C-alpha atoms as a PDB file:
ATOM      1  CA  UNK A   1      61.228 101.437 146.198  1.00  0.00           C
ATOM      2  CA  UNK A   2      61.339  98.202 147.610  1.00  0.00           C
ATOM      3  CA  UNK A   3      62.861  97.138 151.525  1.00  0.00           C
ATOM      4  CA  UNK A   4      65.790  94.902 151.470  1.00  0.00           C
ATOM      5  CA  UNK A   5      64.356  90.920 151.725  1.00  0.00           C
ATOM      6  CA  UNK A   6      66.563  88.266 153.276  1.00  0.00           C
ATOM      7  CA  UNK A   7      67.191  86.852 149.824  1.00  0.00           C
ATOM      8  CA  UNK A   8      69.189  90.274 148.923  1.00  0.00           C
ATOM      9  CA  UNK A   9      71.576  89.620 151.704  1.00  0.00           C
ATOM     10  CA  UNK A  10      75.044  87.709 150.781  1.00  0.00           C
ATOM     11  CA  UNK A  11      76.752  85.519 153.538  1.00  0.00           C
ATOM     12  CA  UNK A  12      79.532  87.399 154.809  1.00  0.00           C
ATOM     13  CA  UNK A  13      82.451  85.676 153.191  1.00  0.00           C
ATOM     14  CA  UNK A  14      80.711  85.985 149.837  1.00  0.00           C
ATOM     15  CA  UNK A  15      80.123  89.585 150.515  1.00  0.00           C
ATOM     16  CA  UNK A  16      83.868  89.979 151.459  1.00  0.00           C
ATOM     17  CA  UNK A  17      84.824  88.372 148.111  1.00  0.00           C
ATOM     18  CA  UNK A  18      82.801  90.917 146.368  1.00  0.00           C
ATOM     19  CA  UNK A  19      83.181  93.803 148.691  1.00  0.00           C
ATOM     20  CA  UNK A  20      85.408  96.348 146.489  1.00  0.00           C
ATOM     21  CA  UNK A  21      83.523  96.115 143.324  1.00  0.00           C
ATOM     22  CA  UNK A  22      79.907  96.586 145.612  1.00  0.00           C
ATOM     23  CA  UNK A  23      81.653  99.183 147.581  1.00  0.00           C
ATOM     24  CA  UNK A  24      82.650 101.329 145.002  1.00  0.00           C
ATOM     25  CA  UNK A  25      78.929 101.409 143.517  1.00  0.00           C
ATOM     26  CA  UNK A  26      77.537 101.696 146.751  1.00  0.00           C
ATOM     27  CA  UNK A  27      79.558 104.797 147.069  1.00  0.00           C
ATOM     28  CA  UNK A  28      78.364 106.526 144.125  1.00  0.00           C
ATOM     29  CA  UNK A  29      74.551 105.967 145.008  1.00  0.00           C
ATOM     30  CA  UNK A  30      75.714 107.712 148.304  1.00  0.00           C
ATOM     31  CA  UNK A  31      77.257 110.547 146.595  1.00  0.00           C
ATOM     32  CA  UNK A  32      74.122 111.341 144.924  1.00  0.00           C
ATOM     33  CA  UNK A  33      72.425 111.318 148.325  1.00  0.00           C
ATOM     34  CA  UNK A  34      74.851 113.186 150.522  1.00  0.00           C
ATOM     35  CA  UNK A  35      74.195 116.854 151.454  1.00  0.00           C
ATOM     36  CA  UNK A  36      76.993 119.052 153.604  1.00  0.00           C
ATOM     37  CA  UNK A  37      75.504 121.522 155.505  1.00  0.00           C
ATOM     38  CA  UNK A  38      78.057 123.710 157.194  1.00  0.00           C
ATOM     39  CA  UNK A  39      81.349 122.297 158.646  1.00  0.00           C
ATOM     40  CA  UNK A  40      79.649 119.554 160.892  1.00  0.00           C
ATOM     41  CA  UNK A  41      76.516 118.563 159.429  1.00  0.00           C
ATOM     42  CA  UNK A  42      75.933 115.692 156.467  1.00  0.00           C
ATOM     43  CA  UNK A  43      72.960 114.398 155.259  1.00  0.00           C
ATOM     44  CA  UNK A  44      72.143 110.951 153.799  1.00  0.00           C
ATOM     45  CA  UNK A  45      69.481 110.490 152.035  1.00  0.00           C
ATOM     46  CA  UNK A  46      68.301 106.328 152.718  1.00  0.00           C
ATOM     47  CA  UNK A  47      67.462 104.519 149.618  1.00  0.00           C
ATOM     48  CA  UNK A  48      67.044 100.410 149.315  1.00  0.00           C
ATOM     49  CA  UNK A  49      70.778  99.971 148.090  1.00  0.00           C
ATOM     50  CA  UNK A  50      72.096 102.495 151.308  1.00  0.00           C
ATOM     51  CA  UNK A  51      70.258 100.392 153.423  1.00  0.00           C
ATOM     52  CA  UNK A  52      71.296  97.110 151.963  1.00  0.00           C
ATOM     53  CA  UNK A  53      74.807  98.145 152.309  1.00  0.00           C
ATOM     54  CA  UNK A  54      74.552  99.006 155.856  1.00  0.00           C
ATOM     55  CA  UNK A  55      73.091  95.511 156.446  1.00  0.00           C
ATOM     56  CA  UNK A  56      75.620  93.491 154.189  1.00  0.00           C
ATOM     57  CA  UNK A  57      78.619  95.774 156.513  1.00  0.00           C
ATOM     58  CA  UNK A  58      76.868  94.822 159.904  1.00  0.00           C
ATOM     59  CA  UNK A  59      76.468  91.246 159.064  1.00  0.00           C
ATOM     60  CA  UNK A  60      80.513  91.311 157.708  1.00  0.00           C
ATOM     61  CA  UNK A  61      81.709  93.230 160.191  1.00  0.00           C
ATOM     62  CA  UNK A  62      80.145  91.361 163.174  1.00  0.00           C
ATOM     63  CA  UNK A  63      80.202  87.871 161.143  1.00  0.00           C
ATOM     64  CA  UNK A  64      76.742  87.054 161.468  1.00  0.00           C
ATOM     65  CA  UNK A  65      75.095  83.711 160.734  1.00  0.00           C
ATOM     66  CA  UNK A  66      72.338  83.390 162.626  1.00  0.00           C
ATOM     67  CA  UNK A  67      69.475  83.671 160.432  1.00  0.00           C
ATOM     68  CA  UNK A  68      67.248  85.455 163.618  1.00  0.00           C
ATOM     69  CA  UNK A  69      70.310  88.089 163.862  1.00  0.00           C
ATOM     70  CA  UNK A  70      70.526  88.678 159.972  1.00  0.00           C
ATOM     71  CA  UNK A  71      66.700  88.980 160.107  1.00  0.00           C
ATOM     72  CA  UNK A  72      67.404  91.476 163.062  1.00  0.00           C
ATOM     73  CA  UNK A  73      69.554  93.808 160.746  1.00  0.00           C
ATOM     74  CA  UNK A  74      67.566  93.739 158.095  1.00  0.00           C
ATOM     75  CA  UNK A  75      64.039  94.960 159.777  1.00  0.00           C
ATOM     76  CA  UNK A  76      66.472  97.588 162.148  1.00  0.00           C
ATOM     77  CA  UNK A  77      67.818  99.093 158.605  1.00  0.00           C
ATOM     78  CA  UNK A  78      64.583  98.810 157.027  1.00  0.00           C
ATOM     79  CA  UNK A  79      62.873 101.153 158.994  1.00  0.00           C
ATOM     80  CA  UNK A  80      65.461 103.932 157.687  1.00  0.00           C
ATOM     81  CA  UNK A  81      63.632 104.038 154.567  1.00  0.00           C
ATOM     82  CA  UNK A  82      60.555 105.278 155.432  1.00  0.00           C
ATOM     83  CA  UNK A  83      57.014 104.799 154.074  1.00  0.00           C
ATOM     84  CA  UNK A  84      55.135 106.433 151.060  1.00  0.00           C
ATOM     85  CA  UNK A  85      55.884 110.257 150.941  1.00  0.00           C
ATOM     86  CA  UNK A  86      58.465 109.975 153.435  1.00  0.00           C
ATOM     87  CA  UNK A  87      62.282 110.205 153.184  1.00  0.00           C
ATOM     88  CA  UNK A  88      64.791 108.168 155.467  1.00  0.00           C
ATOM     89  CA  UNK A  89      67.714 110.112 156.467  1.00  0.00           C
ATOM     90  CA  UNK A  90      71.105 109.589 158.097  1.00  0.00           C
ATOM     91  CA  UNK A  91      72.281 112.506 160.104  1.00  0.00           C
ATOM     92  CA  UNK A  92      75.728 112.922 160.714  1.00  0.00           C
ATOM     93  CA  UNK A  93      77.260 115.022 163.206  1.00  0.00           C
ATOM     94  CA  UNK A  94      80.769 114.695 162.174  1.00  0.00           C
ATOM     95  CA  UNK A  95      83.336 116.301 164.559  1.00  0.00           C
ATOM     96  CA  UNK A  96      86.803 115.174 165.007  1.00  0.00           C
ATOM     97  CA  UNK A  97      88.267 115.988 168.209  1.00  0.00           C
ATOM     98  CA  UNK A  98      86.537 113.619 171.062  1.00  0.00           C
ATOM     99  CA  UNK A  99      86.697 116.014 173.648  1.00  0.00           C
ATOM    100  CA  UNK A 100      84.873 118.826 171.038  1.00  0.00           C
ATOM    101  CA  UNK A 101      82.705 116.272 170.116  1.00  0.00           C
ATOM    102  CA  UNK A 102      81.589 115.646 173.612  1.00  0.00           C
ATOM    103  CA  UNK A 103      81.057 119.046 174.526  1.00  0.00           C
ATOM    104  CA  UNK A 104      79.380 120.248 171.580  1.00  0.00           C
ATOM    105  CA  UNK A 105      76.764 117.048 171.453  1.00  0.00           C
ATOM    106  CA  UNK A 106      75.737 118.515 174.714  1.00  0.00           C
ATOM    107  CA  UNK A 107      75.657 122.426 173.353  1.00  0.00           C
ATOM    108  CA  UNK A 108      73.540 121.014 170.736  1.00  0.00           C
ATOM    109  CA  UNK A 109      70.847 119.025 172.347  1.00  0.00           C
ATOM    110  CA  UNK A 110      68.701 121.271 171.157  1.00  0.00           C
ATOM    111  CA  UNK A 111      68.562 120.258 167.475  1.00  0.00           C
ATOM    112  CA  UNK A 112      65.723 118.189 167.615  1.00  0.00           C
ATOM    113  CA  UNK A 113      62.935 120.100 165.931  1.00  0.00           C
ATOM    114  CA  UNK A 114      65.560 122.532 164.177  1.00  0.00           C
ATOM    115  CA  UNK A 115      66.266 120.151 160.803  1.00  0.00           C
ATOM    116  CA  UNK A 116      64.188 120.965 157.991  1.00  0.00           C
ATOM    117  CA  UNK A 117      63.770 120.234 153.784  1.00  0.00           C
ATOM    118  CA  UNK A 118      62.702 123.515 152.106  1.00  0.00           C
ATOM    119  CA  UNK A 119      60.514 122.287 149.143  1.00  0.00           C
ATOM    120  CA  UNK A 120      59.669 123.827 146.189  1.00  0.00           C
ATOM    121  CA  UNK A 121      56.529 126.419 146.714  1.00  0.00           C
ATOM    122  CA  UNK A 122      59.116 127.650 149.771  1.00  0.00           C
ATOM    123  CA  UNK A 123      57.590 125.118 152.038  1.00  0.00           C
ATOM    124  CA  UNK A 124      59.516 123.821 154.984  1.00  0.00           C
ATOM    125  CA  UNK A 125      58.913 120.225 156.322  1.00  0.00           C
ATOM    126  CA  UNK A 126      60.514 119.686 159.864  1.00  0.00           C
ATOM    127  CA  UNK A 127      62.598 116.207 160.508  1.00  0.00           C
ATOM    128  CA  UNK A 128      61.105 113.512 162.785  1.00  0.00           C
ATOM    129  CA  UNK A 129      64.184 112.703 165.030  1.00  0.00           C
ATOM    130  CA  UNK A 130      64.499 108.942 167.055  1.00  0.00           C
ATOM    131  CA  UNK A 131      63.752 110.050 170.504  1.00  0.00           C
ATOM    132  CA  UNK A 132      66.169 107.310 171.374  1.00  0.00           C
ATOM    133  CA  UNK A 133      69.154 108.855 170.009  1.00  0.00           C
ATOM    134  CA  UNK A 134      69.094 111.871 172.071  1.00  0.00           C
ATOM    135  CA  UNK A 135      68.667 112.373 175.976  1.00  0.00           C
ATOM    136  CA  UNK A 136      68.736 115.049 178.565  1.00  0.00           C
ATOM    137  CA  UNK A 137      72.879 115.028 178.735  1.00  0.00           C
ATOM    138  CA  UNK A 138      73.545 115.223 174.797  1.00  0.00           C
ATOM    139  CA  UNK A 139      72.476 113.495 171.159  1.00  0.00           C
ATOM    140  CA  UNK A 140      74.237 110.872 169.398  1.00  0.00           C
ATOM    141  CA  UNK A 141      76.458 111.668 166.787  1.00  0.00           C
ATOM    142  CA  UNK A 142      74.371 109.469 164.490  1.00  0.00           C
ATOM    143  CA  UNK A 143      70.879 110.865 163.805  1.00  0.00           C
ATOM    144  CA  UNK A 144      67.765 108.911 161.936  1.00  0.00           C
ATOM    145  CA  UNK A 145      65.522 111.695 160.648  1.00  0.00           C
ATOM    146  CA  UNK A 146      62.147 111.245 158.539  1.00  0.00           C
ATOM    147  CA  UNK A 147      61.032 113.885 156.652  1.00  0.00           C
ATOM    148  CA  UNK A 148      57.246 113.823 155.696  1.00  0.00           C
ATOM    149  CA  UNK A 149      56.891 115.370 152.387  1.00  0.00           C
ATOM    150  CA  UNK A 150      54.425 113.879 150.890  1.00  0.00           C
ATOM    151  CA  UNK A 151      53.874 115.020 147.233  1.00  0.00           C
ATOM    152  CA  UNK A 152      56.205 118.015 147.648  1.00  0.00           C
ATOM    153  CA  UNK A 153      59.837 118.265 146.414  1.00  0.00           C
ATOM    154  CA  UNK A 154      62.845 118.725 148.120  1.00  0.00           C
ATOM    155  CA  UNK A 155      65.256 121.711 147.278  1.00  0.00           C
ATOM    156  CA  UNK A 156      67.185 122.214 150.103  1.00  0.00           C
ATOM    157  CA  UNK A 157      68.093 121.187 153.308  1.00  0.00           C
ATOM    158  CA  UNK A 158      68.495 123.699 156.514  1.00  0.00           C
ATOM    159  CA  UNK A 159      68.672 124.118 160.195  1.00  0.00           C
ATOM    160  CA  UNK A 160      67.446 126.833 162.076  1.00  0.00           C
ATOM    161  CA  UNK A 161      69.065 125.928 165.132  1.00  0.00           C
ATOM    162  CA  UNK A 162      71.653 129.192 165.823  1.00  0.00           C
ATOM    163  CA  UNK A 163      74.877 127.532 166.515  1.00  0.00           C
ATOM    164  CA  UNK A 164      74.518 125.468 163.327  1.00  0.00           C
ATOM    165  CA  UNK A 165      71.951 127.249 161.378  1.00  0.00           C
ATOM    166  CA  UNK A 166      72.452 127.348 157.197  1.00  0.00           C
ATOM    167  CA  UNK A 167      70.432 125.809 154.038  1.00  0.00           C
ATOM    168  CA  UNK A 168      72.108 123.983 151.429  1.00  0.00           C
ATOM    169  CA  UNK A 169      70.389 123.784 148.211  1.00  0.00           C
ATOM    170  CA  UNK A 170      70.258 120.329 146.655  1.00  0.00           C
ATOM    171  CA  UNK A 171      72.207 120.006 143.076  1.00  0.00           C
ATOM    172  CA  UNK A 172      70.190 118.761 140.190  1.00  0.00           C
ATOM    173  CA  UNK A 173      71.903 115.313 140.646  1.00  0.00           C
ATOM    174  CA  UNK A 174      70.514 115.397 144.220  1.00  0.00           C
ATOM    175  CA  UNK A 175      67.111 116.580 143.614  1.00  0.00           C
ATOM    176  CA  UNK A 176      66.969 113.625 141.081  1.00  0.00           C
ATOM    177  CA  UNK A 177      68.016 110.844 143.148  1.00  0.00           C
ATOM    178  CA  UNK A 178      65.521 111.794 145.816  1.00  0.00           C
ATOM    179  CA  UNK A 179      62.870 112.400 143.467  1.00  0.00           C
ATOM    180  CA  UNK A 180      63.259 108.595 142.023  1.00  0.00           C
ATOM    181  CA  UNK A 181      63.605 107.800 145.400  1.00  0.00           C
ATOM    182  CA  UNK A 182      59.928 109.666 146.313  1.00  0.00           C
ATOM    183  CA  UNK A 183      58.659 108.146 143.202  1.00  0.00           C
ATOM    184  CA  UNK A 184      59.757 104.363 143.253  1.00  0.00           C
ATOM    185  CA  UNK A 185      58.105 104.639 147.126  1.00  0.00           C
ATOM    186  CA  UNK A 186      54.564 106.057 145.675  1.00  0.00           C
ATOM    187  CA  UNK A 187      54.712 103.105 143.263  1.00  0.00           C
ATOM    188  CA  UNK A 188      55.928 100.483 145.637  1.00  0.00           C
ATOM    189  CA  UNK A 189      52.803 101.635 147.725  1.00  0.00           C
ATOM    190  CA  UNK A 190      50.123 102.187 145.117  1.00  0.00           C
ATOM    191  CA  UNK A 191      50.676  98.562 144.057  1.00  0.00           C
ATOM    192  CA  UNK A 192      52.293  99.865 141.036  1.00  0.00           C
END
């Protein structure tokens, strides 16, 4: 898997003209990498296509045209991909009611350290959270995670934080998509 390059990014007008068709394609890619855990947690495992889409959406929404600003978006979102043996993941904490969201995000400050991937051989790999997305007051409802799985292959996503405890087995399609992403990272970094 390669990082998004500047040459991949369309100007916001060209992207806007093609957006519906491209969005449909990207939603299918995301569908295979989206895992729901319980009522509130949704994991989206990132790859080049999902990151490219996020960059395009930012460029479009903010009508970014300065090269330095476009490159900043590329660098920011490429960081989500992780390196060899790593899975980058966006964790969405989905709470519709705004008042309830504020209360629960304060109550769930301890979530970092409790999210894991269960891999073949019944091994747990804990997520590394971005420390900038939580403070002493609350969590952000969007968390960027990295799982250093090495050569292990994930079979489930789980959480052992008491208020959100549970585990979801990856279906065949999800496992295949994530395995392909890991293999692409390995090949990319080995120069093959």
